PDB file of N, CA and C in Angstrom:
ATOM      1  N   UNK A   1       3.827  13.379   6.679  1.00  0.00           N
ATOM      2  CA  UNK A   1       4.490  12.161   6.256  1.00  0.00           C
ATOM      3  C   UNK A   1       5.305  11.517   7.368  1.00  0.00           C
ATOM      4  N   UNK A   2       5.847  12.319   8.263  1.00  0.00           N
ATOM      5  CA  UNK A   2       6.649  11.728   9.339  1.00  0.00           C
ATOM      6  C   UNK A   2       5.783  10.839  10.230  1.00  0.00           C
ATOM      7  N   UNK A   3       4.516  11.227  10.412  1.00  0.00           N
ATOM      8  CA  UNK A   3       3.609  10.403  11.197  1.00  0.00           C
ATOM      9  C   UNK A   3       3.358   9.064  10.506  1.00  0.00           C
ATOM     10  N   UNK A   4       3.228   9.091   9.194  1.00  0.00           N
ATOM     11  CA  UNK A   4       3.017   7.850   8.438  1.00  0.00           C
ATOM     12  C   UNK A   4       4.206   6.913   8.583  1.00  0.00           C
ATOM     13  N   UNK A   5       5.401   7.443   8.412  1.00  0.00           N
ATOM     14  CA  UNK A   5       6.596   6.599   8.514  1.00  0.00           C
ATOM     15  C   UNK A   5       6.755   6.053   9.936  1.00  0.00           C
ATOM     16  N   UNK A   6       6.471   6.862  10.925  1.00  0.00           N
ATOM     17  CA  UNK A   6       6.562   6.406  12.310  1.00  0.00           C
ATOM     18  C   UNK A   6       5.567   5.277  12.556  1.00  0.00           C
ATOM     19  N   UNK A   7       4.349   5.417  12.023  1.00  0.00           N
ATOM     20  CA  UNK A   7       3.341   4.370  12.192  1.00  0.00           C
ATOM     21  C   UNK A   7       3.721   3.095  11.446  1.00  0.00           C
ATOM     22  N   UNK A   8       4.217   3.246  10.231  1.00  0.00           N
ATOM     23  CA  UNK A   8       4.580   2.067   9.448  1.00  0.00           C
ATOM     24  C   UNK A   8       5.711   1.273  10.090  1.00  0.00           C
ATOM     25  N   UNK A   9       6.648   1.959  10.692  1.00  0.00           N
ATOM     26  CA  UNK A   9       7.815   1.290  11.264  1.00  0.00           C
ATOM     27  C   UNK A   9       7.608   0.840  12.709  1.00  0.00           C
ATOM     28  N   UNK A  10       6.446   1.132  13.289  1.00  0.00           N
ATOM     29  CA  UNK A  10       6.202   0.794  14.692  1.00  0.00           C
ATOM     30  C   UNK A  10       6.328  -0.707  14.948  1.00  0.00           C
ATOM     31  N   UNK A  11       5.674  -1.508  14.144  1.00  0.00           N
ATOM     32  CA  UNK A  11       5.699  -2.963  14.357  1.00  0.00           C
ATOM     33  C   UNK A  11       7.099  -3.521  14.213  1.00  0.00           C
ATOM     34  N   UNK A  12       7.830  -3.001  13.248  1.00  0.00           N
ATOM     35  CA  UNK A  12       9.181  -3.516  13.023  1.00  0.00           C
ATOM     36  C   UNK A  12      10.139  -3.095  14.132  1.00  0.00           C
ATOM     37  N   UNK A  13      10.044  -1.845  14.560  1.00  0.00           N
ATOM     38  CA  UNK A  13      10.984  -1.333  15.557  1.00  0.00           C
ATOM     39  C   UNK A  13      10.667  -1.774  16.974  1.00  0.00           C
ATOM     40  N   UNK A  14       9.383  -1.850  17.315  1.00  0.00           N
ATOM     41  CA  UNK A  14       9.020  -2.163  18.700  1.00  0.00           C
ATOM     42  C   UNK A  14       8.427  -3.550  18.881  1.00  0.00           C
ATOM     43  N   UNK A  15       7.887  -4.134  17.819  1.00  0.00           N
ATOM     44  CA  UNK A  15       7.246  -5.441  17.934  1.00  0.00           C
ATOM     45  C   UNK A  15       5.839  -5.361  18.499  1.00  0.00           C
ATOM     46  N   UNK A  16       5.329  -4.144  18.699  1.00  0.00           N
ATOM     47  CA  UNK A  16       3.996  -3.936  19.255  1.00  0.00           C
ATOM     48  C   UNK A  16       3.002  -3.787  18.109  1.00  0.00           C
ATOM     49  N   UNK A  17       1.839  -4.411  18.249  1.00  0.00           N
ATOM     50  CA  UNK A  17       0.809  -4.337  17.215  1.00  0.00           C
ATOM     51  C   UNK A  17       0.204  -2.934  17.159  1.00  0.00           C
ATOM     52  N   UNK A  18      -0.373  -2.596  16.005  1.00  0.00           N
ATOM     53  CA  UNK A  18      -1.057  -1.320  15.844  1.00  0.00           C
ATOM     54  C   UNK A  18      -2.389  -1.363  16.583  1.00  0.00           C
ATOM     55  N   UNK A  19      -2.764  -0.230  17.163  1.00  0.00           N
ATOM     56  CA  UNK A  19      -4.073  -0.114  17.813  1.00  0.00           C
ATOM     57  C   UNK A  19      -5.114   0.234  16.752  1.00  0.00           C
ATOM     58  N   UNK A  20      -6.361   0.236  17.138  1.00  0.00           N
ATOM     59  CA  UNK A  20      -7.435   0.581  16.204  1.00  0.00           C
ATOM     60  C   UNK A  20      -7.304   2.010  15.695  1.00  0.00           C
ATOM     61  N   UNK A  21      -6.938   2.922  16.580  1.00  0.00           N
ATOM     62  CA  UNK A  21      -6.756   4.317  16.178  1.00  0.00           C
ATOM     63  C   UNK A  21      -5.602   4.464  15.185  1.00  0.00           C
ATOM     64  N   UNK A  22      -4.527   3.727  15.424  1.00  0.00           N
ATOM     65  CA  UNK A  22      -3.374   3.792  14.514  1.00  0.00           C
ATOM     66  C   UNK A  22      -3.721   3.211  13.148  1.00  0.00           C
ATOM     67  N   UNK A  23      -4.514   2.140  13.133  1.00  0.00           N
ATOM     68  CA  UNK A  23      -4.941   1.567  11.856  1.00  0.00           C
ATOM     69  C   UNK A  23      -5.795   2.578  11.080  1.00  0.00           C
ATOM     70  N   UNK A  24      -6.654   3.297  11.788  1.00  0.00           N
ATOM     71  CA  UNK A  24      -7.478   4.320  11.150  1.00  0.00           C
ATOM     72  C   UNK A  24      -6.611   5.420  10.570  1.00  0.00           C
ATOM     73  N   UNK A  25      -5.592   5.847  11.321  1.00  0.00           N
ATOM     74  CA  UNK A  25      -4.680   6.876  10.820  1.00  0.00           C
ATOM     75  C   UNK A  25      -3.885   6.377   9.620  1.00  0.00           C
ATOM     76  N   UNK A  26      -3.453   5.107   9.652  1.00  0.00           N
ATOM     77  CA  UNK A  26      -2.730   4.540   8.510  1.00  0.00           C
ATOM     78  C   UNK A  26      -3.601   4.539   7.257  1.00  0.00           C
ATOM     79  N   UNK A  27      -4.855   4.135   7.417  1.00  0.00           N
ATOM     80  CA  UNK A  27      -5.763   4.105   6.267  1.00  0.00           C
ATOM     81  C   UNK A  27      -6.010   5.499   5.724  1.00  0.00           C
ATOM     82  N   UNK A  28      -6.128   6.479   6.613  1.00  0.00           N
ATOM     83  CA  UNK A  28      -6.353   7.846   6.133  1.00  0.00           C
ATOM     84  C   UNK A  28      -5.126   8.373   5.395  1.00  0.00           C
ATOM     85  N   UNK A  29      -3.931   8.025   5.874  1.00  0.00           N
ATOM     86  CA  UNK A  29      -2.707   8.423   5.166  1.00  0.00           C
ATOM     87  C   UNK A  29      -2.651   7.779   3.777  1.00  0.00           C
ATOM     88  N   UNK A  30      -3.002   6.492   3.709  1.00  0.00           N
ATOM     89  CA  UNK A  30      -2.969   5.799   2.414  1.00  0.00           C
ATOM     90  C   UNK A  30      -4.018   6.351   1.459  1.00  0.00           C
ATOM     91  N   UNK A  31      -5.172   6.719   1.979  1.00  0.00           N
ATOM     92  CA  UNK A  31      -6.197   7.323   1.120  1.00  0.00           C
ATOM     93  C   UNK A  31      -5.714   8.651   0.565  1.00  0.00           C
ATOM     94  N   UNK A  32      -5.055   9.438   1.407  1.00  0.00           N
ATOM     95  CA  UNK A  32      -4.531  10.728   0.965  1.00  0.00           C
ATOM     96  C   UNK A  32      -3.438  10.525  -0.089  1.00  0.00           C
ATOM     97  N   UNK A  33      -2.581   9.535   0.129  1.00  0.00           N
ATOM     98  CA  UNK A  33      -1.540   9.247  -0.858  1.00  0.00           C
ATOM     99  C   UNK A  33      -2.126   8.736  -2.171  1.00  0.00           C
ATOM    100  N   UNK A  34      -3.235   8.016  -2.090  1.00  0.00           N
ATOM    101  CA  UNK A  34      -3.829   7.456  -3.304  1.00  0.00           C
ATOM    102  C   UNK A  34      -4.384   8.539  -4.220  1.00  0.00           C
ATOM    103  N   UNK A  35      -4.621   9.733  -3.689  1.00  0.00           N
ATOM    104  CA  UNK A  35      -5.025  10.841  -4.557  1.00  0.00           C
ATOM    105  C   UNK A  35      -3.885  11.244  -5.481  1.00  0.00           C
ATOM    106  N   UNK A  36      -2.652  11.069  -5.004  1.00  0.00           N
ATOM    107  CA  UNK A  36      -1.479  11.409  -5.806  1.00  0.00           C
ATOM    108  C   UNK A  36      -1.028  10.239  -6.673  1.00  0.00           C
ATOM    109  N   UNK A  37      -1.170   9.026  -6.152  1.00  0.00           N
ATOM    110  CA  UNK A  37      -0.768   7.825  -6.884  1.00  0.00           C
ATOM    111  C   UNK A  37      -1.932   6.836  -6.871  1.00  0.00           C
ATOM    112  N   UNK A  38      -2.754   6.826  -7.917  1.00  0.00           N
ATOM    113  CA  UNK A  38      -3.959   5.986  -7.919  1.00  0.00           C
ATOM    114  C   UNK A  38      -3.691   4.490  -7.731  1.00  0.00           C
ATOM    115  N   UNK A  39      -2.504   4.022  -8.001  1.00  0.00           N
ATOM    116  CA  UNK A  39      -2.203   2.597  -7.829  1.00  0.00           C
ATOM    117  C   UNK A  39      -2.290   2.206  -6.354  1.00  0.00           C
ATOM    118  N   UNK A  40      -2.059   3.144  -5.448  1.00  0.00           N
ATOM    119  CA  UNK A  40      -2.092   2.839  -4.016  1.00  0.00           C
ATOM    120  C   UNK A  40      -3.495   2.546  -3.501  1.00  0.00           C
ATOM    121  N   UNK A  41      -4.513   2.838  -4.281  1.00  0.00           N
ATOM    122  CA  UNK A  41      -5.884   2.561  -3.849  1.00  0.00           C
ATOM    123  C   UNK A  41      -6.079   1.066  -3.608  1.00  0.00           C
ATOM    124  N   UNK A  42      -5.270   0.233  -4.234  1.00  0.00           N
ATOM    125  CA  UNK A  42      -5.359  -1.217  -4.052  1.00  0.00           C
ATOM    126  C   UNK A  42      -5.138  -1.580  -2.592  1.00  0.00           C
ATOM    127  N   UNK A  43      -4.243  -0.877  -1.906  1.00  0.00           N
ATOM    128  CA  UNK A  43      -3.957  -1.202  -0.516  1.00  0.00           C
ATOM    129  C   UNK A  43      -5.100  -0.841   0.419  1.00  0.00           C
ATOM    130  N   UNK A  44      -5.937   0.095   0.030  1.00  0.00           N
ATOM    131  CA  UNK A  44      -7.032   0.535   0.879  1.00  0.00           C
ATOM    132  C   UNK A  44      -8.239  -0.388   0.728  1.00  0.00           C
ATOM    133  N   UNK A  45      -8.360  -1.062  -0.397  1.00  0.00           N
ATOM    134  CA  UNK A  45      -9.480  -1.961  -0.629  1.00  0.00           C
ATOM    135  C   UNK A  45      -9.438  -3.158   0.313  1.00  0.00           C
ATOM    136  N   UNK A  46     -10.591  -3.712   0.667  1.00  0.00           N
ATOM    137  CA  UNK A  46     -10.575  -4.945   1.457  1.00  0.00           C
ATOM    138  C   UNK A  46      -9.869  -6.058   0.671  1.00  0.00           C
ATOM    139  N   UNK A  47      -8.983  -6.742   1.317  1.00  0.00           N
ATOM    140  CA  UNK A  47      -8.163  -7.802   0.703  1.00  0.00           C
ATOM    141  C   UNK A  47      -7.350  -7.256  -0.460  1.00  0.00           C
ATOM    142  N   UNK A  48      -6.965  -6.001  -0.360  1.00  0.00           N
ATOM    143  CA  UNK A  48      -6.217  -5.343  -1.436  1.00  0.00           C
ATOM    144  C   UNK A  48      -4.876  -5.983  -1.703  1.00  0.00           C
ATOM    145  N   UNK A  49      -4.248  -6.504  -0.659  1.00  0.00           N
ATOM    146  CA  UNK A  49      -2.941  -7.112  -0.863  1.00  0.00           C
ATOM    147  C   UNK A  49      -3.043  -8.384  -1.709  1.00  0.00           C
ATOM    148  N   UNK A  50      -4.223  -9.011  -1.725  1.00  0.00           N
ATOM    149  CA  UNK A  50      -4.399 -10.199  -2.568  1.00  0.00           C
ATOM    150  C   UNK A  50      -4.521  -9.825  -4.045  1.00  0.00           C
ATOM    151  N   UNK A  51      -4.832  -8.555  -4.318  1.00  0.00           N
ATOM    152  CA  UNK A  51      -4.958  -8.097  -5.695  1.00  0.00           C
ATOM    153  C   UNK A  51      -3.620  -7.689  -6.310  1.00  0.00           C
ATOM    154  N   UNK A  52      -2.565  -7.646  -5.509  1.00  0.00           N
ATOM    155  CA  UNK A  52      -1.271  -7.204  -6.025  1.00  0.00           C
ATOM    156  C   UNK A  52      -0.754  -8.053  -7.189  1.00  0.00           C
ATOM    157  N   UNK A  53      -0.829  -9.392  -7.137  1.00  0.00           N
ATOM    158  CA  UNK A  53      -0.361 -10.160  -8.294  1.00  0.00           C
ATOM    159  C   UNK A  53      -1.148  -9.848  -9.571  1.00  0.00           C
ATOM    160  N   UNK A  54      -2.442  -9.621  -9.440  1.00  0.00           N
ATOM    161  CA  UNK A  54      -3.262  -9.270 -10.600  1.00  0.00           C
ATOM    162  C   UNK A  54      -2.850  -7.906 -11.135  1.00  0.00           C
ATOM    163  N   UNK A  55      -2.626  -6.966 -10.235  1.00  0.00           N
ATOM    164  CA  UNK A  55      -2.196  -5.641 -10.635  1.00  0.00           C
ATOM    165  C   UNK A  55      -0.824  -5.684 -11.306  1.00  0.00           C
ATOM    166  N   UNK A  56       0.079  -6.469 -10.759  1.00  0.00           N
ATOM    167  CA  UNK A  56       1.410  -6.591 -11.356  1.00  0.00           C
ATOM    168  C   UNK A  56       1.328  -7.195 -12.759  1.00  0.00           C
ATOM    169  N   UNK A  57       0.457  -8.155 -12.937  1.00  0.00           N
ATOM    170  CA  UNK A  57       0.305  -8.791 -14.251  1.00  0.00           C
ATOM    171  C   UNK A  57      -0.269  -7.820 -15.273  1.00  0.00           C
ATOM    172  N   UNK A  58      -1.235  -7.025 -14.871  1.00  0.00           N
ATOM    173  CA  UNK A  58      -1.849  -6.098 -15.819  1.00  0.00           C
ATOM    174  C   UNK A  58      -0.946  -4.913 -16.130  1.00  0.00           C
ATOM    175  N   UNK A  59      -0.111  -4.509 -15.182  1.00  0.00           N
ATOM    176  CA  UNK A  59       0.772  -3.375 -15.414  1.00  0.00           C
ATOM    177  C   UNK A  59       2.087  -3.756 -16.086  1.00  0.00           C
ATOM    178  N   UNK A  60       2.393  -5.044 -16.149  1.00  0.00           N
ATOM    179  CA  UNK A  60       3.640  -5.487 -16.752  1.00  0.00           C
ATOM    180  C   UNK A  60       3.528  -5.403 -18.268  1.00  0.00           C
ATOM    181  N   UNK A  61       4.198  -4.441 -18.824  1.00  0.00           N
ATOM    182  CA  UNK A  61       4.136  -4.230 -20.263  1.00  0.00           C
ATOM    183  C   UNK A  61       5.334  -4.804 -20.991  1.00  0.00           C
ATOM    184  N   UNK A  62       6.279  -5.338 -20.236  1.00  0.00           N
ATOM    185  CA  UNK A  62       7.509  -5.834 -20.863  1.00  0.00           C
ATOM    186  C   UNK A  62       7.256  -7.033 -21.769  1.00  0.00           C
ATOM    187  N   UNK A  63       6.372  -7.935 -21.362  1.00  0.00           N
ATOM    188  CA  UNK A  63       6.184  -9.145 -22.146  1.00  0.00           C
ATOM    189  C   UNK A  63       5.555  -8.855 -23.519  1.00  0.00           C
ATOM    190  N   UNK A  64       4.783  -7.796 -23.640  1.00  0.00           N
ATOM    191  CA  UNK A  64       4.165  -7.466 -24.908  1.00  0.00           C
ATOM    192  C   UNK A  64       5.080  -6.673 -25.820  1.00  0.00           C
ATOM    193  N   UNK A  65       5.985  -5.891 -25.237  1.00  0.00           N
ATOM    194  CA  UNK A  65       6.802  -4.992 -26.047  1.00  0.00           C
ATOM    195  C   UNK A  65       8.168  -5.523 -26.428  1.00  0.00           C
ATOM    196  N   UNK A  66       8.605  -6.610 -25.858  1.00  0.00           N
ATOM    197  CA  UNK A  66       9.964  -7.099 -26.112  1.00  0.00           C
ATOM    198  C   UNK A  66       9.981  -8.148 -27.226  1.00  0.00           C
ATOM    199  N   UNK A  67      11.014  -8.070 -28.012  1.00  0.00           N
ATOM    200  CA  UNK A  67      11.248  -9.082 -29.038  1.00  0.00           C
ATOM    201  C   UNK A  67      12.599  -9.700 -28.751  1.00  0.00           C
ATOM    202  N   UNK A  68      12.644 -11.027 -28.685  1.00  0.00           N
ATOM    203  CA  UNK A  68      13.914 -11.716 -28.382  1.00  0.00           C
ATOM    204  C   UNK A  68      14.861 -11.670 -29.534  1.00  0.00           C
TER     205      UNK A  68
END
């Protein structure tokens, strides 16, 4: 996990872009995490970040269960 956090924070801390090898390592870390948390599989999919609003809408159960 320390390698994952170091990779994730690289762009923010140094301003340097990820290399191809680092992107591969990031994807492998996310795939491994998705075995524990299936919701993370969205990030591994192509254009997965565009699916986040759809995922948030389908997982939001508050609007169906609340009565004003």
